[in-house]
N, C-alpha and C. Protein backbone atom coordinates (compact mmCIF):
# COMPACT_ATOMS: atom_id res chain seq x y z
N MET A 1 18.05 57.52 26.91
CA MET A 1 17.97 56.44 25.96
C MET A 1 16.51 56.35 25.48
N THR A 2 16.35 56.25 24.18
CA THR A 2 15.01 56.16 23.62
C THR A 2 14.50 54.73 23.71
N GLY A 3 13.24 54.57 23.43
CA GLY A 3 12.64 53.23 23.47
C GLY A 3 13.31 52.27 22.50
N TYR A 4 13.62 52.80 21.30
CA TYR A 4 14.27 51.97 20.30
C TYR A 4 15.64 51.51 20.78
N GLN A 5 16.39 52.47 21.38
CA GLN A 5 17.74 52.14 21.83
C GLN A 5 17.71 51.12 22.98
N SER A 6 16.74 51.25 23.86
CA SER A 6 16.68 50.30 24.98
C SER A 6 16.30 48.90 24.49
N LYS A 7 15.40 48.83 23.53
CA LYS A 7 15.03 47.53 22.96
C LYS A 7 16.20 46.91 22.21
N LYS A 8 16.95 47.74 21.49
CA LYS A 8 18.11 47.28 20.75
C LYS A 8 19.17 46.75 21.73
N ALA A 9 19.39 47.47 22.80
CA ALA A 9 20.38 47.06 23.80
C ALA A 9 19.95 45.74 24.46
N ALA A 10 18.66 45.57 24.74
CA ALA A 10 18.16 44.34 25.35
C ALA A 10 18.32 43.16 24.39
N ALA A 11 18.04 43.41 23.11
CA ALA A 11 18.18 42.35 22.11
C ALA A 11 19.64 41.95 21.96
N GLN A 12 20.56 42.93 21.95
CA GLN A 12 21.98 42.62 21.83
C GLN A 12 22.48 41.86 23.06
N ALA A 13 21.98 42.22 24.23
CA ALA A 13 22.38 41.52 25.45
C ALA A 13 21.90 40.06 25.42
N LYS A 14 20.71 39.88 24.92
CA LYS A 14 20.16 38.52 24.83
C LYS A 14 20.96 37.69 23.83
N LEU A 15 21.34 38.28 22.69
CA LEU A 15 22.13 37.57 21.70
C LEU A 15 23.54 37.26 22.19
N ALA A 16 24.05 38.07 23.10
CA ALA A 16 25.41 37.87 23.62
C ALA A 16 25.47 36.68 24.58
N GLN A 17 24.35 36.26 25.13
CA GLN A 17 24.35 35.13 26.05
C GLN A 17 24.60 33.82 25.28
N PRO A 18 25.25 32.85 25.93
CA PRO A 18 25.48 31.57 25.23
C PRO A 18 24.16 30.86 24.99
N ALA A 19 24.13 30.09 23.92
CA ALA A 19 22.91 29.35 23.58
C ALA A 19 22.64 28.30 24.66
N GLN A 20 21.39 28.15 24.98
CA GLN A 20 21.01 27.20 26.02
C GLN A 20 21.09 25.78 25.46
N GLU A 21 21.74 24.89 26.22
CA GLU A 21 21.88 23.50 25.80
C GLU A 21 20.52 22.80 25.89
N PRO A 22 20.22 21.93 24.95
CA PRO A 22 18.96 21.18 25.06
C PRO A 22 19.05 20.20 26.23
N ARG A 23 17.93 20.00 26.88
CA ARG A 23 17.90 19.08 28.03
C ARG A 23 17.81 17.66 27.50
N LEU A 24 18.82 16.90 27.75
CA LEU A 24 18.86 15.54 27.25
C LEU A 24 18.03 14.58 28.09
N ASP A 25 17.71 14.98 29.30
CA ASP A 25 16.96 14.09 30.18
C ASP A 25 15.47 14.05 29.85
N GLN A 26 15.00 14.94 29.01
CA GLN A 26 13.57 14.95 28.68
C GLN A 26 13.20 13.83 27.72
N GLY A 27 14.05 13.51 26.76
CA GLY A 27 13.75 12.50 25.76
C GLY A 27 13.52 11.12 26.35
N PRO A 28 14.49 10.58 27.07
CA PRO A 28 14.30 9.24 27.62
C PRO A 28 13.12 9.14 28.58
N ASP A 29 12.87 10.20 29.35
CA ASP A 29 11.72 10.17 30.27
C ASP A 29 10.42 10.06 29.48
N TYR A 30 10.32 10.84 28.43
CA TYR A 30 9.12 10.81 27.61
C TYR A 30 8.96 9.44 26.96
N GLU A 31 10.07 8.94 26.40
CA GLU A 31 10.02 7.63 25.75
C GLU A 31 9.66 6.54 26.74
N ARG A 32 10.23 6.59 27.93
CA ARG A 32 9.94 5.58 28.95
C ARG A 32 8.46 5.64 29.33
N GLY A 33 7.93 6.84 29.48
CA GLY A 33 6.52 6.98 29.79
C GLY A 33 5.63 6.46 28.67
N PHE A 34 6.04 6.72 27.43
CA PHE A 34 5.27 6.25 26.28
C PHE A 34 5.28 4.72 26.24
N VAL A 35 6.45 4.14 26.42
CA VAL A 35 6.57 2.67 26.39
C VAL A 35 5.78 2.06 27.54
N ASP A 36 5.89 2.63 28.72
CA ASP A 36 5.14 2.12 29.87
C ASP A 36 3.65 2.15 29.60
N GLY A 37 3.18 3.24 29.01
CA GLY A 37 1.76 3.38 28.70
C GLY A 37 1.30 2.34 27.69
N MET A 38 2.12 2.10 26.66
CA MET A 38 1.78 1.10 25.65
C MET A 38 1.75 -0.30 26.26
N GLN A 39 2.72 -0.60 27.15
CA GLN A 39 2.75 -1.91 27.79
C GLN A 39 1.53 -2.10 28.67
N LYS A 40 1.15 -1.07 29.39
CA LYS A 40 -0.02 -1.17 30.26
C LYS A 40 -1.28 -1.40 29.42
N GLN A 41 -1.39 -0.71 28.30
CA GLN A 41 -2.56 -0.87 27.43
C GLN A 41 -2.60 -2.28 26.84
N MET A 42 -1.45 -2.81 26.41
CA MET A 42 -1.42 -4.16 25.85
C MET A 42 -1.75 -5.19 26.92
N GLN A 43 -1.21 -5.01 28.15
CA GLN A 43 -1.49 -5.96 29.21
C GLN A 43 -2.97 -5.93 29.56
N SER A 44 -3.56 -4.74 29.55
CA SER A 44 -4.98 -4.61 29.83
C SER A 44 -5.80 -5.36 28.79
N SER A 45 -5.41 -5.25 27.52
CA SER A 45 -6.12 -5.96 26.46
C SER A 45 -5.98 -7.46 26.61
N VAL A 46 -4.80 -7.92 26.97
CA VAL A 46 -4.57 -9.36 27.17
C VAL A 46 -5.40 -9.84 28.35
N ASP A 47 -5.40 -9.09 29.44
CA ASP A 47 -6.17 -9.47 30.62
C ASP A 47 -7.66 -9.58 30.28
N LYS A 48 -8.17 -8.63 29.51
CA LYS A 48 -9.58 -8.69 29.13
C LYS A 48 -9.88 -9.93 28.31
N ALA A 49 -9.01 -10.26 27.36
CA ALA A 49 -9.22 -11.43 26.52
C ALA A 49 -9.17 -12.71 27.34
N VAL A 50 -8.21 -12.80 28.26
CA VAL A 50 -8.09 -13.99 29.10
C VAL A 50 -9.31 -14.14 30.00
N ASN A 51 -9.75 -13.04 30.57
CA ASN A 51 -10.93 -13.09 31.43
C ASN A 51 -12.17 -13.52 30.65
N ARG A 52 -12.30 -13.03 29.43
CA ARG A 52 -13.44 -13.42 28.60
C ARG A 52 -13.39 -14.91 28.27
N MET A 53 -12.20 -15.41 27.99
CA MET A 53 -12.05 -16.82 27.67
C MET A 53 -12.34 -17.69 28.89
N ALA A 54 -11.92 -17.23 30.06
CA ALA A 54 -12.13 -18.01 31.27
C ALA A 54 -13.61 -18.09 31.63
N GLN A 55 -14.39 -17.13 31.23
CA GLN A 55 -15.80 -17.09 31.56
C GLN A 55 -16.63 -17.94 30.60
N ARG A 56 -16.08 -18.28 29.45
CA ARG A 56 -16.84 -19.08 28.47
C ARG A 56 -16.84 -20.54 28.88
N PRO A 57 -17.99 -21.16 28.92
CA PRO A 57 -18.02 -22.59 29.23
C PRO A 57 -17.58 -23.41 28.02
N TRP A 58 -17.12 -24.62 28.29
CA TRP A 58 -16.73 -25.51 27.22
C TRP A 58 -17.97 -25.95 26.46
N VAL A 59 -17.92 -25.89 25.17
CA VAL A 59 -19.02 -26.33 24.32
C VAL A 59 -18.52 -27.50 23.50
N GLY A 60 -19.10 -28.66 23.72
CA GLY A 60 -18.69 -29.86 22.99
C GLY A 60 -19.50 -30.04 21.72
N LEU A 61 -19.19 -31.12 21.03
CA LEU A 61 -19.91 -31.45 19.80
C LEU A 61 -21.21 -32.20 20.13
N THR A 62 -22.21 -31.97 19.32
CA THR A 62 -23.47 -32.70 19.47
C THR A 62 -23.35 -34.04 18.73
N ALA A 63 -24.31 -34.93 18.96
CA ALA A 63 -24.31 -36.23 18.27
C ALA A 63 -24.42 -36.05 16.76
N ASP A 64 -25.21 -35.07 16.33
CA ASP A 64 -25.34 -34.82 14.90
C ASP A 64 -24.01 -34.34 14.30
N GLU A 65 -23.30 -33.50 15.03
CA GLU A 65 -21.99 -33.02 14.56
C GLU A 65 -20.98 -34.17 14.48
N TYR A 66 -21.03 -35.08 15.47
CA TYR A 66 -20.19 -36.28 15.42
C TYR A 66 -20.47 -37.07 14.14
N ALA A 67 -21.74 -37.30 13.87
CA ALA A 67 -22.13 -38.09 12.69
C ALA A 67 -21.70 -37.40 11.41
N GLU A 68 -21.87 -36.09 11.35
CA GLU A 68 -21.49 -35.33 10.16
C GLU A 68 -19.98 -35.42 9.92
N LEU A 69 -19.20 -35.28 10.97
CA LEU A 69 -17.75 -35.38 10.83
C LEU A 69 -17.32 -36.80 10.42
N ALA A 70 -17.97 -37.80 10.99
CA ALA A 70 -17.64 -39.18 10.65
C ALA A 70 -17.94 -39.47 9.18
N GLU A 71 -19.04 -38.91 8.68
CA GLU A 71 -19.38 -39.09 7.26
C GLU A 71 -18.36 -38.40 6.37
N GLU A 72 -17.97 -37.20 6.75
CA GLU A 72 -17.09 -36.39 5.90
C GLU A 72 -15.65 -36.89 5.93
N TYR A 73 -15.14 -37.22 7.13
CA TYR A 73 -13.73 -37.57 7.26
C TYR A 73 -13.47 -39.04 7.58
N GLY A 74 -14.49 -39.83 7.77
CA GLY A 74 -14.30 -41.22 8.13
C GLY A 74 -14.24 -41.36 9.65
N PRO A 75 -14.24 -42.59 10.12
CA PRO A 75 -14.25 -42.79 11.57
C PRO A 75 -12.89 -42.44 12.20
N PHE A 76 -12.95 -41.72 13.25
CA PHE A 76 -11.75 -41.42 14.05
C PHE A 76 -12.21 -41.13 15.47
N PRO A 77 -11.31 -41.16 16.42
CA PRO A 77 -11.70 -41.09 17.84
C PRO A 77 -12.11 -39.69 18.30
N ILE A 78 -13.26 -39.21 17.88
CA ILE A 78 -13.72 -37.87 18.23
C ILE A 78 -13.89 -37.75 19.74
N ASN A 79 -14.47 -38.76 20.37
CA ASN A 79 -14.71 -38.69 21.82
C ASN A 79 -13.41 -38.52 22.58
N GLN A 80 -12.37 -39.26 22.20
CA GLN A 80 -11.09 -39.17 22.88
C GLN A 80 -10.43 -37.80 22.66
N ILE A 81 -10.57 -37.30 21.45
CA ILE A 81 -10.00 -35.97 21.15
C ILE A 81 -10.70 -34.91 21.99
N GLU A 82 -12.02 -34.95 22.05
CA GLU A 82 -12.77 -33.98 22.83
C GLU A 82 -12.43 -34.11 24.32
N ALA A 83 -12.29 -35.32 24.83
CA ALA A 83 -11.94 -35.53 26.23
C ALA A 83 -10.56 -34.93 26.53
N LYS A 84 -9.60 -35.13 25.62
CA LYS A 84 -8.26 -34.59 25.81
C LYS A 84 -8.30 -33.05 25.80
N LEU A 85 -9.08 -32.47 24.88
CA LEU A 85 -9.20 -31.03 24.84
C LEU A 85 -9.83 -30.47 26.10
N LYS A 86 -10.86 -31.14 26.60
CA LYS A 86 -11.50 -30.72 27.85
C LYS A 86 -10.50 -30.75 28.99
N GLU A 87 -9.70 -31.82 29.02
CA GLU A 87 -8.69 -31.98 30.08
C GLU A 87 -7.68 -30.83 30.03
N LYS A 88 -7.26 -30.46 28.84
CA LYS A 88 -6.27 -29.39 28.69
C LYS A 88 -6.87 -28.01 28.99
N ASN A 89 -8.17 -27.86 28.79
CA ASN A 89 -8.80 -26.55 28.96
C ASN A 89 -9.33 -26.32 30.37
N THR A 90 -9.19 -27.27 31.26
CA THR A 90 -9.66 -27.08 32.64
C THR A 90 -8.51 -26.82 33.55
């Protein structure tokens, strides 16, 4: 048998084999890994933002800011609003 004939016979034998079925288990595994990775990244971003917020001290209004707001919007209970906000943020 010549080289050409042996290659031809090998190619025909390969073509005679049934087509290989695609592996269906690869898709969901990949997708699950992708989704898990995205969730971990989002949770990490949320954790960083929450930690940054927790480290910031409360900054209230100054007396000048109180006066400016009272001039612009009229008198209203700024002190009580700020106290309520402080209470909710602690």
